Amino acid sequence: MVALTLEPVFEVHATVGAPEDIGPVAGVSRRLIPILGGTFEGPQLRGSVLPGGADHQLVREDGLTQLEARYLLQTDAGEKIYVINRGIRYGSAAVLARLNAGERVDPSLIYFRTTPSFETAAPRLQWLMHSVFVGVGERYPAEVVVRFYRVP
């Protein structure tokens, strides 16, 4: 078996708006979280999270949230990267209640992992479309932090 390693790529700090609860859909609660902006930075690139994206969520009664965030990054050089970030977030009912009430909770109490994909026309960033990545997230009252890693 081949041992996998993870190579840090960049960290996103996205400012998010208040959740829009749509209500129960097919036995789960649908929620939409607007992405208002932010920044990202890593060893090879940095820039801004552009406003207009959103995190589309299905929230189950057992505390599991399935998420699909779609948003746009723009590097300091003006290159654009479209992000589709699918994943799950899970925590105990007590911890999620605190988080949903706007409290800051210890990120280690919530399992938040993603599998992002990237699309870009920028020649120097084509490597983003030629690798597998994983993300480790943290949710705060008005911000989401996701650290992205490349699987070499």
Protein backbone atom coordinates (compact mmCIF):
# COMPACT_ATOMS: atom_id res chain seq x y z
CA MET A 1 0.00 0.00 0.00
CA VAL A 2 1.20 3.51 -0.82
CA ALA A 3 1.30 5.94 2.12
CA LEU A 4 -0.39 9.22 1.26
CA THR A 5 0.90 12.60 2.29
CA LEU A 6 -0.78 15.98 2.11
CA GLU A 7 0.80 19.12 0.68
CA PRO A 8 -0.61 22.43 1.98
CA VAL A 9 -1.92 24.56 -0.90
CA PHE A 10 -3.82 27.51 0.59
CA GLU A 11 -6.16 28.60 3.35
CA VAL A 12 -9.47 30.37 2.67
CA HIS A 13 -11.09 32.78 5.13
CA ALA A 14 -14.62 33.36 3.80
CA THR A 15 -17.02 35.83 5.36
CA VAL A 16 -20.53 34.38 5.37
CA GLY A 17 -23.99 35.84 5.82
CA ALA A 18 -26.91 34.62 7.86
CA PRO A 19 -28.27 31.22 6.82
CA GLU A 20 -31.44 31.19 4.73
CA ASP A 21 -33.51 28.25 5.96
CA ILE A 22 -35.64 26.95 3.12
CA GLY A 23 -37.26 24.25 5.23
CA PRO A 24 -37.79 20.51 4.96
CA VAL A 25 -37.12 18.97 1.55
CA ALA A 26 -37.35 15.21 1.12
CA GLY A 27 -36.89 14.55 4.84
CA VAL A 28 -33.98 16.93 5.44
CA SER A 29 -33.73 20.66 6.01
CA ARG A 30 -32.37 22.73 3.11
CA ARG A 31 -30.28 25.78 4.00
CA LEU A 32 -28.34 28.33 1.94
CA ILE A 33 -25.41 30.33 3.35
CA PRO A 34 -24.30 33.34 1.25
CA ILE A 35 -20.55 33.86 0.79
CA LEU A 36 -19.89 37.59 1.09
CA GLY A 37 -16.14 37.76 0.43
CA GLY A 38 -12.84 37.01 2.11
CA THR A 39 -9.22 36.15 1.40
CA PHE A 40 -7.03 33.17 0.62
CA GLU A 41 -3.31 32.62 0.94
CA GLY A 42 -0.79 29.86 0.44
CA PRO A 43 2.82 29.22 -0.59
CA GLN A 44 2.08 29.66 -4.33
CA LEU A 45 -0.91 31.97 -4.52
CA ARG A 46 -3.02 34.49 -2.65
CA GLY A 47 -5.98 36.72 -3.32
CA SER A 48 -9.62 37.38 -2.59
CA VAL A 49 -12.82 35.39 -2.22
CA LEU A 50 -15.26 37.24 -4.45
CA PRO A 51 -18.79 37.93 -3.16
CA GLY A 52 -21.70 36.06 -4.72
CA GLY A 53 -21.00 32.44 -3.89
CA ALA A 54 -23.05 30.25 -1.61
CA ASP A 55 -22.93 27.09 0.46
CA HIS A 56 -25.94 24.87 -0.29
CA GLN A 57 -26.62 22.58 2.65
CA LEU A 58 -28.80 19.63 3.55
CA VAL A 59 -29.08 19.37 7.34
CA ARG A 60 -30.13 16.00 8.75
CA GLU A 61 -31.69 15.44 12.15
CA ASP A 62 -28.71 13.33 13.30
CA GLY A 63 -26.35 16.33 13.19
CA LEU A 64 -24.81 15.63 9.77
CA THR A 65 -24.72 18.49 7.26
CA GLN A 66 -24.00 17.73 3.62
CA LEU A 67 -22.61 20.79 1.92
CA GLU A 68 -21.79 22.03 -1.54
CA ALA A 69 -20.16 25.44 -1.67
CA ARG A 70 -19.62 27.17 -5.00
CA TYR A 71 -17.63 30.37 -5.12
CA LEU A 72 -14.97 32.31 -7.03
CA LEU A 73 -11.42 33.14 -6.01
CA GLN A 74 -9.33 35.84 -7.66
CA THR A 75 -5.56 35.82 -7.24
CA ASP A 76 -3.60 39.00 -6.65
CA ALA A 77 -2.50 38.62 -10.30
CA GLY A 78 -6.15 38.73 -11.45
CA GLU A 79 -6.52 35.01 -12.24
CA LYS A 80 -9.89 33.47 -11.45
CA ILE A 81 -10.47 30.06 -9.85
CA TYR A 82 -13.96 28.58 -9.66
CA VAL A 83 -14.33 26.36 -6.59
CA ILE A 84 -16.82 23.55 -6.08
CA ASN A 85 -16.34 22.28 -2.55
CA ARG A 86 -18.43 19.31 -1.42
CA GLY A 87 -18.20 17.80 2.03
CA ILE A 88 -19.73 17.02 5.37
CA ARG A 89 -19.86 18.65 8.75
CA TYR A 90 -20.87 16.77 11.88
CA GLY A 91 -21.11 17.60 15.54
CA SER A 92 -23.11 16.72 18.61
CA ALA A 93 -26.54 18.31 19.05
CA ALA A 94 -25.25 20.44 21.96
CA VAL A 95 -22.25 21.79 20.02
CA LEU A 96 -24.30 22.50 16.89
CA ALA A 97 -26.94 24.31 18.96
CA ARG A 98 -24.23 26.59 20.34
CA LEU A 99 -22.80 27.18 16.87
CA ASN A 100 -26.24 27.90 15.40
CA ALA A 101 -26.90 30.35 18.24
CA GLY A 102 -23.89 32.38 17.07
CA GLU A 103 -21.43 31.12 19.67
CA ARG A 104 -17.80 30.47 18.81
CA VAL A 105 -17.06 26.79 19.46
CA ASP A 106 -13.82 24.85 19.48
CA PRO A 107 -13.30 23.58 15.89
CA SER A 108 -12.00 20.25 17.19
CA LEU A 109 -15.55 19.46 18.38
CA ILE A 110 -16.87 19.46 14.80
CA TYR A 111 -15.82 17.11 12.01
CA PHE A 112 -15.67 19.26 8.85
CA ARG A 113 -14.00 17.73 5.75
CA THR A 114 -14.37 18.49 2.06
CA THR A 115 -13.31 17.33 -1.40
CA PRO A 116 -12.87 20.44 -3.55
CA SER A 117 -12.42 20.73 -7.28
CA PHE A 118 -11.08 23.77 -9.07
CA GLU A 119 -11.62 25.22 -12.54
CA THR A 120 -9.43 27.90 -14.06
CA ALA A 121 -8.33 29.20 -17.45
CA ALA A 122 -5.09 30.60 -15.99
CA PRO A 123 -2.11 28.83 -17.61
CA ARG A 124 0.06 28.86 -14.47
CA LEU A 125 -2.76 27.36 -12.35
CA GLN A 126 -3.64 24.36 -14.51
CA TRP A 127 -2.11 22.11 -11.86
CA LEU A 128 -5.20 22.84 -9.73
CA MET A 129 -7.28 20.81 -12.20
CA HIS A 130 -4.79 17.93 -12.38
CA SER A 131 -4.73 16.81 -8.75
CA VAL A 132 -6.94 15.56 -5.95
CA PHE A 133 -7.45 17.85 -2.96
CA VAL A 134 -8.96 17.59 0.50
CA GLY A 135 -10.11 20.38 2.77
CA VAL A 136 -10.30 20.70 6.53
CA GLY A 137 -12.83 23.29 7.65
CA GLU A 138 -13.73 25.35 10.68
CA ARG A 139 -17.06 27.16 11.11
CA TYR A 140 -17.30 30.36 13.11
CA PRO A 141 -20.31 32.69 13.59
CA ALA A 142 -19.51 34.93 10.57
CA GLU A 143 -16.61 33.10 8.92
CA VAL A 144 -15.61 29.76 7.47
CA VAL A 145 -11.94 28.79 7.34
CA VAL A 146 -10.90 25.95 5.02
CA ARG A 147 -7.35 24.66 4.65
CA PHE A 148 -6.82 22.95 1.31
CA TYR A 149 -4.27 20.17 0.78
CA ARG A 150 -3.10 18.48 -2.42
CA VAL A 151 -2.67 14.71 -2.47
CA PRO A 152 0.63 14.30 -4.41
